[in-house]
Amino acid sequence: MILEIAQLQVRPGRTAEFEAAFAKAQSIIAAMKGYAGHELQHCLENDHHYMLLVRWQRLEDHTVGFRQSVQYQEWRALLHHFYDPFPTVLHYSPAELQ
């Protein structure tokens, strides 16, 4: 299981619009192959900061399957104009602790 973490900084004053657009966009990502769940967390200290957590079966489900899909263009059109700066996105796998 892979955890994608995206730090989203929404332009000040546009959080309500962003949340409405995300409510529509989440069905796009949820329909993708390898998708295993997501959460959108709203920061308590900074009202225009969000953290998007998406679980994927494999890294390529996100980096290739989603990012190179027609559906990603729709996702991008719905959401990307809200961000400043553009999000930092990193991928994590469970640590193998001894």
PDB file of N, CA and C in Angstrom:
ATOM      1  N   MET A   1       0.838  -1.175   0.000  1.00  0.00           N
ATOM      2  CA  MET A   1       0.000   0.000   0.000  1.00  0.00           C
ATOM      3  C   MET A   1       0.884   1.239   0.000  1.00  0.00           C
ATOM      4  N   ILE A   2       0.535   2.200  -0.819  1.00  0.00           N
ATOM      5  CA  ILE A   2       1.270   3.454  -0.937  1.00  0.00           C
ATOM      6  C   ILE A   2       0.384   4.581  -0.422  1.00  0.00           C
ATOM      7  N   LEU A   3       0.979   5.495   0.342  1.00  0.00           N
ATOM      8  CA  LEU A   3       0.258   6.669   0.812  1.00  0.00           C
ATOM      9  C   LEU A   3       0.816   7.892   0.106  1.00  0.00           C
ATOM     10  N   GLU A   4      -0.032   8.544  -0.655  1.00  0.00           N
ATOM     11  CA  GLU A   4       0.313   9.827  -1.298  1.00  0.00           C
ATOM     12  C   GLU A   4      -0.099  10.928  -0.330  1.00  0.00           C
ATOM     13  N   ILE A   5       0.820  11.860  -0.078  1.00  0.00           N
ATOM     14  CA  ILE A   5       0.507  13.007   0.770  1.00  0.00           C
ATOM     15  C   ILE A   5       0.782  14.267  -0.031  1.00  0.00           C
ATOM     16  N   ALA A   6      -0.269  15.075  -0.186  1.00  0.00           N
ATOM     17  CA  ALA A   6      -0.162  16.335  -0.929  1.00  0.00           C
ATOM     18  C   ALA A   6      -0.485  17.489   0.012  1.00  0.00           C
ATOM     19  N   GLN A   7       0.460  18.406   0.136  1.00  0.00           N
ATOM     20  CA  GLN A   7       0.236  19.620   0.921  1.00  0.00           C
ATOM     21  C   GLN A   7      -0.403  20.654  -0.003  1.00  0.00           C
ATOM     22  N   LEU A   8      -1.625  21.049   0.324  1.00  0.00           N
ATOM     23  CA  LEU A   8      -2.380  21.959  -0.530  1.00  0.00           C
ATOM     24  C   LEU A   8      -2.536  23.307   0.161  1.00  0.00           C
ATOM     25  N   GLN A   9      -2.033  24.349  -0.470  1.00  0.00           N
ATOM     26  CA  GLN A   9      -2.240  25.695   0.032  1.00  0.00           C
ATOM     27  C   GLN A   9      -3.196  26.394  -0.932  1.00  0.00           C
ATOM     28  N   VAL A  10      -4.397  26.623  -0.452  1.00  0.00           N
ATOM     29  CA  VAL A  10      -5.449  27.230  -1.264  1.00  0.00           C
ATOM     30  C   VAL A  10      -5.331  28.749  -1.152  1.00  0.00           C
ATOM     31  N   ARG A  11      -5.569  29.425  -2.252  1.00  0.00           N
ATOM     32  CA  ARG A  11      -5.510  30.884  -2.246  1.00  0.00           C
ATOM     33  C   ARG A  11      -6.460  31.426  -1.170  1.00  0.00           C
ATOM     34  N   PRO A  12      -5.985  32.353  -0.343  1.00  0.00           N
ATOM     35  CA  PRO A  12      -6.829  32.905   0.718  1.00  0.00           C
ATOM     36  C   PRO A  12      -8.162  33.430   0.163  1.00  0.00           C
ATOM     37  N   GLY A  13      -9.222  33.166   0.922  1.00  0.00           N
ATOM     38  CA  GLY A  13     -10.546  33.609   0.523  1.00  0.00           C
ATOM     39  C   GLY A  13     -11.271  32.675  -0.427  1.00  0.00           C
ATOM     40  N   ARG A  14     -10.630  31.568  -0.808  1.00  0.00           N
ATOM     41  CA  ARG A  14     -11.232  30.655  -1.780  1.00  0.00           C
ATOM     42  C   ARG A  14     -11.461  29.252  -1.226  1.00  0.00           C
ATOM     43  N   THR A  15     -11.393  29.100   0.085  1.00  0.00           N
ATOM     44  CA  THR A  15     -11.520  27.763   0.669  1.00  0.00           C
ATOM     45  C   THR A  15     -12.905  27.165   0.450  1.00  0.00           C
ATOM     46  N   ALA A  16     -13.960  27.963   0.551  1.00  0.00           N
ATOM     47  CA  ALA A  16     -15.311  27.421   0.342  1.00  0.00           C
ATOM     48  C   ALA A  16     -15.471  26.935  -1.091  1.00  0.00           C
ATOM     49  N   GLU A  17     -14.961  27.703  -2.056  1.00  0.00           N
ATOM     50  CA  GLU A  17     -15.007  27.292  -3.472  1.00  0.00           C
ATOM     51  C   GLU A  17     -14.197  26.017  -3.683  1.00  0.00           C
ATOM     52  N   PHE A  18     -13.010  25.971  -3.065  1.00  0.00           N
ATOM     53  CA  PHE A  18     -12.152  24.795  -3.193  1.00  0.00           C
ATOM     54  C   PHE A  18     -12.859  23.550  -2.650  1.00  0.00           C
ATOM     55  N   GLU A  19     -13.441  23.659  -1.467  1.00  0.00           N
ATOM     56  CA  GLU A  19     -14.106  22.498  -0.871  1.00  0.00           C
ATOM     57  C   GLU A  19     -15.285  22.030  -1.727  1.00  0.00           C
ATOM     58  N   ALA A  20     -16.011  22.958  -2.330  1.00  0.00           N
ATOM     59  CA  ALA A  20     -17.124  22.577  -3.219  1.00  0.00           C
ATOM     60  C   ALA A  20     -16.587  21.867  -4.463  1.00  0.00           C
ATOM     61  N   ALA A  21     -15.488  22.370  -5.018  1.00  0.00           N
ATOM     62  CA  ALA A  21     -14.887  21.737  -6.194  1.00  0.00           C
ATOM     63  C   ALA A  21     -14.320  20.369  -5.826  1.00  0.00           C
ATOM     64  N   PHE A  22     -13.703  20.258  -4.655  1.00  0.00           N
ATOM     65  CA  PHE A  22     -13.148  18.975  -4.238  1.00  0.00           C
ATOM     66  C   PHE A  22     -14.258  17.948  -4.037  1.00  0.00           C
ATOM     67  N   ALA A  23     -15.395  18.382  -3.531  1.00  0.00           N
ATOM     68  CA  ALA A  23     -16.526  17.465  -3.344  1.00  0.00           C
ATOM     69  C   ALA A  23     -16.916  16.820  -4.673  1.00  0.00           C
ATOM     70  N   LYS A  24     -16.800  17.556  -5.774  1.00  0.00           N
ATOM     71  CA  LYS A  24     -17.071  17.006  -7.109  1.00  0.00           C
ATOM     72  C   LYS A  24     -15.895  16.142  -7.588  1.00  0.00           C
ATOM     73  N   ALA A  25     -14.684  16.631  -7.379  1.00  0.00           N
ATOM     74  CA  ALA A  25     -13.490  15.975  -7.913  1.00  0.00           C
ATOM     75  C   ALA A  25     -13.181  14.637  -7.248  1.00  0.00           C
ATOM     76  N   GLN A  26     -13.580  14.459  -5.997  1.00  0.00           N
ATOM     77  CA  GLN A  26     -13.198  13.231  -5.295  1.00  0.00           C
ATOM     78  C   GLN A  26     -13.764  11.973  -5.946  1.00  0.00           C
ATOM     79  N   SER A  27     -14.869  12.090  -6.652  1.00  0.00           N
ATOM     80  CA  SER A  27     -15.406  10.910  -7.341  1.00  0.00           C
ATOM     81  C   SER A  27     -14.513  10.493  -8.512  1.00  0.00           C
ATOM     82  N   ILE A  28     -13.769  11.444  -9.057  1.00  0.00           N
ATOM     83  CA  ILE A  28     -12.852  11.140 -10.165  1.00  0.00           C
ATOM     84  C   ILE A  28     -11.743  10.219  -9.669  1.00  0.00           C
ATOM     85  N   ILE A  29     -11.089  10.624  -8.607  1.00  0.00           N
ATOM     86  CA  ILE A  29      -9.963   9.838  -8.102  1.00  0.00           C
ATOM     87  C   ILE A  29     -10.444   8.498  -7.540  1.00  0.00           C
ATOM     88  N   ALA A  30     -11.618   8.505  -6.926  1.00  0.00           N
ATOM     89  CA  ALA A  30     -12.145   7.279  -6.322  1.00  0.00           C
ATOM     90  C   ALA A  30     -12.446   6.204  -7.357  1.00  0.00           C
ATOM     91  N   ALA A  31     -12.632   6.590  -8.603  1.00  0.00           N
ATOM     92  CA  ALA A  31     -12.949   5.632  -9.669  1.00  0.00           C
ATOM     93  C   ALA A  31     -11.705   5.055 -10.350  1.00  0.00           C
ATOM     94  N   MET A  32     -10.522   5.514  -9.953  1.00  0.00           N
ATOM     95  CA  MET A  32      -9.297   5.091 -10.629  1.00  0.00           C
ATOM     96  C   MET A  32      -8.841   3.707 -10.166  1.00  0.00           C
ATOM     97  N   LYS A  33      -8.228   2.977 -11.087  1.00  0.00           N
ATOM     98  CA  LYS A  33      -7.657   1.667 -10.775  1.00  0.00           C
ATOM     99  C   LYS A  33      -6.573   1.827  -9.703  1.00  0.00           C
ATOM    100  N   GLY A  34      -6.609   0.981  -8.708  1.00  0.00           N
ATOM    101  CA  GLY A  34      -5.606   1.004  -7.651  1.00  0.00           C
ATOM    102  C   GLY A  34      -5.920   1.942  -6.507  1.00  0.00           C
ATOM    103  N   TYR A  35      -6.972   2.726  -6.627  1.00  0.00           N
ATOM    104  CA  TYR A  35      -7.378   3.640  -5.561  1.00  0.00           C
ATOM    105  C   TYR A  35      -7.867   2.823  -4.364  1.00  0.00           C
ATOM    106  N   ALA A  36      -7.452   3.226  -3.155  1.00  0.00           N
ATOM    107  CA  ALA A  36      -7.846   2.486  -1.959  1.00  0.00           C
ATOM    108  C   ALA A  36      -8.403   3.385  -0.851  1.00  0.00           C
ATOM    109  N   GLY A  37      -8.628   4.655  -1.135  1.00  0.00           N
ATOM    110  CA  GLY A  37      -9.228   5.555  -0.152  1.00  0.00           C
ATOM    111  C   GLY A  37      -8.510   6.887  -0.090  1.00  0.00           C
ATOM    112  N   HIS A  38      -9.218   7.892   0.442  1.00  0.00           N
ATOM    113  CA  HIS A  38      -8.600   9.206   0.602  1.00  0.00           C
ATOM    114  C   HIS A  38      -9.237   9.961   1.761  1.00  0.00           C
ATOM    115  N   GLU A  39      -8.521  10.980   2.210  1.00  0.00           N
ATOM    116  CA  GLU A  39      -8.996  11.915   3.229  1.00  0.00           C
ATOM    117  C   GLU A  39      -8.502  13.300   2.837  1.00  0.00           C
ATOM    118  N   LEU A  40      -9.332  14.301   3.067  1.00  0.00           N
ATOM    119  CA  LEU A  40      -8.908  15.689   2.937  1.00  0.00           C
ATOM    120  C   LEU A  40      -8.986  16.295   4.326  1.00  0.00           C
ATOM    121  N   GLN A  41      -7.844  16.702   4.854  1.00  0.00           N
ATOM    122  CA  GLN A  41      -7.761  17.283   6.191  1.00  0.00           C
ATOM    123  C   GLN A  41      -7.565  18.791   6.078  1.00  0.00           C
ATOM    124  N   HIS A  42      -8.291  19.546   6.903  1.00  0.00           N
ATOM    125  CA  HIS A  42      -8.212  21.008   6.928  1.00  0.00           C
ATOM    126  C   HIS A  42      -7.395  21.428   8.143  1.00  0.00           C
ATOM    127  N   CYS A  43      -6.403  22.255   7.948  1.00  0.00           N
ATOM    128  CA  CYS A  43      -5.504  22.682   9.019  1.00  0.00           C
ATOM    129  C   CYS A  43      -6.228  23.596  10.009  1.00  0.00           C
ATOM    130  N   LEU A  44      -6.020  23.360  11.288  1.00  0.00           N
ATOM    131  CA  LEU A  44      -6.636  24.180  12.336  1.00  0.00           C
ATOM    132  C   LEU A  44      -5.912  25.510  12.526  1.00  0.00           C
ATOM    133  N   GLU A  45      -4.601  25.515  12.309  1.00  0.00           N
ATOM    134  CA  GLU A  45      -3.814  26.729  12.537  1.00  0.00           C
ATOM    135  C   GLU A  45      -3.785  27.674  11.339  1.00  0.00           C
ATOM    136  N   ASN A  46      -3.985  27.137  10.142  1.00  0.00           N
ATOM    137  CA  ASN A  46      -3.883  27.939   8.918  1.00  0.00           C
ATOM    138  C   ASN A  46      -5.080  27.592   8.044  1.00  0.00           C
ATOM    139  N   ASP A  47      -6.062  28.445   7.994  1.00  0.00           N
ATOM    140  CA  ASP A  47      -7.349  28.091   7.393  1.00  0.00           C
ATOM    141  C   ASP A  47      -7.335  27.860   5.888  1.00  0.00           C
ATOM    142  N   HIS A  48      -6.245  28.177   5.213  1.00  0.00           N
ATOM    143  CA  HIS A  48      -6.201  27.898   3.772  1.00  0.00           C
ATOM    144  C   HIS A  48      -5.204  26.778   3.431  1.00  0.00           C
ATOM    145  N   HIS A  49      -4.856  25.996   4.440  1.00  0.00           N
ATOM    146  CA  HIS A  49      -3.930  24.876   4.241  1.00  0.00           C
ATOM    147  C   HIS A  49      -4.681  23.557   4.454  1.00  0.00           C
ATOM    148  N   TYR A  50      -4.462  22.614   3.516  1.00  0.00           N
ATOM    149  CA  TYR A  50      -5.089  21.302   3.572  1.00  0.00           C
ATOM    150  C   TYR A  50      -4.025  20.241   3.352  1.00  0.00           C
ATOM    151  N   MET A  51      -4.326  19.034   3.799  1.00  0.00           N
ATOM    152  CA  MET A  51      -3.481  17.886   3.530  1.00  0.00           C
ATOM    153  C   MET A  51      -4.374  16.831   2.886  1.00  0.00           C
ATOM    154  N   LEU A  52      -3.995  16.396   1.692  1.00  0.00           N
ATOM    155  CA  LEU A  52      -4.716  15.343   0.994  1.00  0.00           C
ATOM    156  C   LEU A  52      -3.938  14.048   1.150  1.00  0.00           C
ATOM    157  N   LEU A  53      -4.593  13.032   1.681  1.00  0.00           N
ATOM    158  CA  LEU A  53      -4.003  11.712   1.859  1.00  0.00           C
ATOM    159  C   LEU A  53      -4.759  10.749   0.950  1.00  0.00           C
ATOM    160  N   VAL A  54      -4.027  10.096   0.044  1.00  0.00           N
ATOM    161  CA  VAL A  54      -4.653   9.141  -0.876  1.00  0.00           C
ATOM    162  C   VAL A  54      -3.898   7.827  -0.774  1.00  0.00           C
ATOM    163  N   ARG A  55      -4.630   6.752  -0.620  1.00  0.00           N
ATOM    164  CA  ARG A  55      -4.030   5.425  -0.568  1.00  0.00           C
ATOM    165  C   ARG A  55      -4.174   4.755  -1.934  1.00  0.00           C
ATOM    166  N   TRP A  56      -3.061   4.215  -2.408  1.00  0.00           N
ATOM    167  CA  TRP A  56      -3.007   3.522  -3.698  1.00  0.00           C
ATOM    168  C   TRP A  56      -2.448   2.123  -3.476  1.00  0.00           C
ATOM    169  N   GLN A  57      -2.842   1.200  -4.314  1.00  0.00           N
ATOM    170  CA  GLN A  57      -2.287  -0.146  -4.252  1.00  0.00           C
ATOM    171  C   GLN A  57      -0.807  -0.138  -4.625  1.00  0.00           C
ATOM    172  N   ARG A  58      -0.455   0.604  -5.675  1.00  0.00           N
ATOM    173  CA  ARG A  58       0.933   0.674  -6.160  1.00  0.00           C
ATOM    174  C   ARG A  58       1.261   2.120  -6.507  1.00  0.00           C
ATOM    175  N   LEU A  59       2.504   2.485  -6.460  1.00  0.00           N
ATOM    176  CA  LEU A  59       2.938   3.829  -6.833  1.00  0.00           C
ATOM    177  C   LEU A  59       2.483   4.180  -8.243  1.00  0.00           C
ATOM    178  N   GLU A  60       2.602   3.230  -9.169  1.00  0.00           N
ATOM    179  CA  GLU A  60       2.253   3.475 -10.570  1.00  0.00           C
ATOM    180  C   GLU A  60       0.762   3.721 -10.772  1.00  0.00           C
ATOM    181  N   ASP A  61      -0.066   3.275  -9.845  1.00  0.00           N
ATOM    182  CA  ASP A  61      -1.499   3.572  -9.950  1.00  0.00           C
ATOM    183  C   ASP A  61      -1.731   5.074  -9.895  1.00  0.00           C
ATOM    184  N   HIS A  62      -0.894   5.771  -9.133  1.00  0.00           N
ATOM    185  CA  HIS A  62      -1.003   7.230  -9.072  1.00  0.00           C
ATOM    186  C   HIS A  62      -0.184   7.909 -10.166  1.00  0.00           C
ATOM    187  N   THR A  63       1.109   7.568 -10.230  1.00  0.00           N
ATOM    188  CA  THR A  63       2.023   8.304 -11.099  1.00  0.00           C
ATOM    189  C   THR A  63       1.778   8.077 -12.584  1.00  0.00           C
ATOM    190  N   VAL A  64       1.284   6.912 -12.943  1.00  0.00           N
ATOM    191  CA  VAL A  64       1.006   6.597 -14.349  1.00  0.00           C
ATOM    192  C   VAL A  64      -0.499   6.502 -14.582  1.00  0.00           C
ATOM    193  N   GLY A  65      -1.158   5.598 -13.859  1.00  0.00           N
ATOM    194  CA  GLY A  65      -2.578   5.348 -14.089  1.00  0.00           C
ATOM    195  C   GLY A  65      -3.453   6.573 -13.940  1.00  0.00           C
ATOM    196  N   PHE A  66      -3.233   7.344 -12.879  1.00  0.00           N
ATOM    197  CA  PHE A  66      -4.039   8.545 -12.664  1.00  0.00           C
ATOM    198  C   PHE A  66      -3.455   9.750 -13.383  1.00  0.00           C
ATOM    199  N   ARG A  67      -2.189  10.039 -13.151  1.00  0.00           N
ATOM    200  CA  ARG A  67      -1.590  11.264 -13.682  1.00  0.00           C
ATOM    201  C   ARG A  67      -1.554  11.311 -15.209  1.00  0.00           C
ATOM    202  N   GLN A  68      -1.564  10.170 -15.881  1.00  0.00           N
ATOM    203  CA  GLN A  68      -1.521  10.166 -17.337  1.00  0.00           C
ATOM    204  C   GLN A  68      -2.893   9.863 -17.947  1.00  0.00           C
ATOM    205  N   SER A  69      -3.937   9.983 -17.141  1.00  0.00           N
ATOM    206  CA  SER A  69      -5.278   9.656 -17.617  1.00  0.00           C
ATOM    207  C   SER A  69      -6.052  10.895 -18.086  1.00  0.00           C
ATOM    208  N   VAL A  70      -7.084  10.647 -18.855  1.00  0.00           N
ATOM    209  CA  VAL A  70      -8.011  11.710 -19.260  1.00  0.00           C
ATOM    210  C   VAL A  70      -8.698  12.277 -18.018  1.00  0.00           C
ATOM    211  N   GLN A  71      -9.000  11.429 -17.048  1.00  0.00           N
ATOM    212  CA  GLN A  71      -9.671  11.859 -15.830  1.00  0.00           C
ATOM    213  C   GLN A  71      -8.834  12.870 -15.048  1.00  0.00           C
ATOM    214  N   TYR A  72      -7.509  12.730 -15.120  1.00  0.00           N
ATOM    215  CA  TYR A  72      -6.638  13.683 -14.432  1.00  0.00           C
ATOM    216  C   TYR A  72      -6.818  15.087 -14.995  1.00  0.00           C
ATOM    217  N   GLN A  73      -7.071  15.202 -16.271  1.00  0.00           N
ATOM    218  CA  GLN A  73      -7.289  16.527 -16.870  1.00  0.00           C
ATOM    219  C   GLN A  73      -8.530  17.184 -16.276  1.00  0.00           C
ATOM    220  N   GLU A  74      -9.558  16.403 -16.019  1.00  0.00           N
ATOM    221  CA  GLU A  74     -10.767  16.929 -15.388  1.00  0.00           C
ATOM    222  C   GLU A  74     -10.473  17.333 -13.937  1.00  0.00           C
ATOM    223  N   TRP A  75      -9.747  16.477 -13.215  1.00  0.00           N
ATOM    224  CA  TRP A  75      -9.322  16.772 -11.834  1.00  0.00           C
ATOM    225  C   TRP A  75      -8.545  18.088 -11.803  1.00  0.00           C
ATOM    226  N   ARG A  76      -7.603  18.205 -12.717  1.00  0.00           N
ATOM    227  CA  ARG A  76      -6.761  19.399 -12.797  1.00  0.00           C
ATOM    228  C   ARG A  76      -7.591  20.652 -13.058  1.00  0.00           C
ATOM    229  N   ALA A  77      -8.540  20.551 -13.991  1.00  0.00           N
ATOM    230  CA  ALA A  77      -9.387  21.703 -14.326  1.00  0.00           C
ATOM    231  C   ALA A  77     -10.250  22.129 -13.132  1.00  0.00           C
ATOM    232  N   LEU A  78     -10.688  21.168 -12.343  1.00  0.00           N
ATOM    233  CA  LEU A  78     -11.519  21.490 -11.180  1.00  0.00           C
ATOM    234  C   LEU A  78     -10.725  22.108 -10.027  1.00  0.00           C
ATOM    235  N   LEU A  79      -9.459  21.693  -9.847  1.00  0.00           N
ATOM    236  CA  LEU A  79      -8.753  22.023  -8.606  1.00  0.00           C
ATOM    237  C   LEU A  79      -7.491  22.865  -8.723  1.00  0.00           C
ATOM    238  N   HIS A  80      -6.731  22.717  -9.764  1.00  0.00           N
ATOM    239  CA  HIS A  80      -5.381  23.288  -9.751  1.00  0.00           C
ATOM    240  C   HIS A  80      -5.342  24.811  -9.692  1.00  0.00           C
ATOM    241  N   HIS A  81      -6.364  25.497 -10.127  1.00  0.00           N
ATOM    242  CA  HIS A  81      -6.344  26.965 -10.086  1.00  0.00           C
ATOM    243  C   HIS A  81      -6.515  27.525  -8.673  1.00  0.00           C
ATOM    244  N   PHE A  82      -6.826  26.674  -7.704  1.00  0.00           N
ATOM    245  CA  PHE A  82      -6.963  27.129  -6.318  1.00  0.00           C
ATOM    246  C   PHE A  82      -5.631  27.189  -5.580  1.00  0.00           C
ATOM    247  N   TYR A  83      -4.581  26.547  -6.090  1.00  0.00           N
ATOM    248  CA  TYR A  83      -3.342  26.369  -5.340  1.00  0.00           C
ATOM    249  C   TYR A  83      -2.330  27.475  -5.594  1.00  0.00           C
ATOM    250  N   ASP A  84      -1.704  27.924  -4.503  1.00  0.00           N
ATOM    251  CA  ASP A  84      -0.589  28.861  -4.595  1.00  0.00           C
ATOM    252  C   ASP A  84       0.244  28.718  -3.327  1.00  0.00           C
ATOM    253  N   PRO A  85       1.408  28.095  -3.446  1.00  0.00           N
ATOM    254  CA  PRO A  85       2.059  27.545  -4.636  1.00  0.00           C
ATOM    255  C   PRO A  85       1.467  26.185  -5.008  1.00  0.00           C
ATOM    256  N   PHE A  86       1.993  25.633  -6.105  1.00  0.00           N
ATOM    257  CA  PHE A  86       1.541  24.319  -6.536  1.00  0.00           C
ATOM    258  C   PHE A  86       1.928  23.294  -5.467  1.00  0.00           C
ATOM    259  N   PRO A  87       1.080  22.309  -5.211  1.00  0.00           N
ATOM    260  CA  PRO A  87       1.313  21.362  -4.112  1.00  0.00           C
ATOM    261  C   PRO A  87       2.593  20.539  -4.228  1.00  0.00           C
ATOM    262  N   THR A  88       3.126  20.249  -3.062  1.00  0.00           N
ATOM    263  CA  THR A  88       4.191  19.269  -2.933  1.00  0.00           C
ATOM    264  C   THR A  88       3.511  17.918  -2.725  1.00  0.00           C
ATOM    265  N   VAL A  89       3.879  16.927  -3.524  1.00  0.00           N
ATOM    266  CA  VAL A  89       3.283  15.593  -3.436  1.00  0.00           C
ATOM    267  C   VAL A  89       4.406  14.580  -3.225  1.00  0.00           C
ATOM    268  N   LEU A  90       4.286  13.784  -2.172  1.00  0.00           N
ATOM    269  CA  LEU A  90       5.262  12.740  -1.871  1.00  0.00           C
ATOM    270  C   LEU A  90       4.520  11.425  -1.638  1.00  0.00           C
ATOM    271  N   HIS A  91       5.240  10.338  -1.813  1.00  0.00           N
ATOM    272  CA  HIS A  91       4.650   8.993  -1.663  1.00  0.00           C
ATOM    273  C   HIS A  91       5.399   8.244  -0.566  1.00  0.00           C
ATOM    274  N   TYR A  92       4.640   7.489   0.236  1.00  0.00           N
ATOM    275  CA  TYR A  92       5.207   6.767   1.366  1.00  0.00           C
ATOM    276  C   TYR A  92       4.749   5.323   1.355  1.00  0.00           C
ATOM    277  N   SER A  93       5.608   4.447   1.888  1.00  0.00           N
ATOM    278  CA  SER A  93       5.239   3.059   2.108  1.00  0.00           C
ATOM    279  C   SER A  93       5.521   2.759   3.583  1.00  0.00           C
ATOM    280  N   PRO A  94       4.889   1.722   4.124  1.00  0.00           N
ATOM    281  CA  PRO A  94       5.088   1.404   5.536  1.00  0.00           C
ATOM    282  C   PRO A  94       6.562   1.139   5.848  1.00  0.00           C
ATOM    283  N   ALA A  95       7.008   1.662   6.969  1.00  0.00           N
ATOM    284  CA  ALA A  95       8.379   1.410   7.418  1.00  0.00           C
ATOM    285  C   ALA A  95       8.477  -0.049   7.878  1.00  0.00           C
ATOM    286  N   GLU A  96       9.580  -0.668   7.547  1.00  0.00           N
ATOM    287  CA  GLU A  96       9.821  -2.060   7.960  1.00  0.00           C
ATOM    288  C   GLU A  96      10.650  -2.041   9.229  1.00  0.00           C
ATOM    289  N   LEU A  97       9.951  -1.951  10.345  1.00  0.00           N
ATOM    290  CA  LEU A  97      10.617  -1.852  11.646  1.00  0.00           C
ATOM    291  C   LEU A  97      11.053  -3.237  12.134  1.00  0.00           C
ATOM    292  N   GLN A  98      12.160  -3.264  12.800  1.00  0.00           N
ATOM    293  CA  GLN A  98      12.697  -4.514  13.355  1.00  0.00           C
ATOM    294  C   GLN A  98      11.965  -4.907  14.602  1.00  0.00           C
TER     295      GLN A  98
END
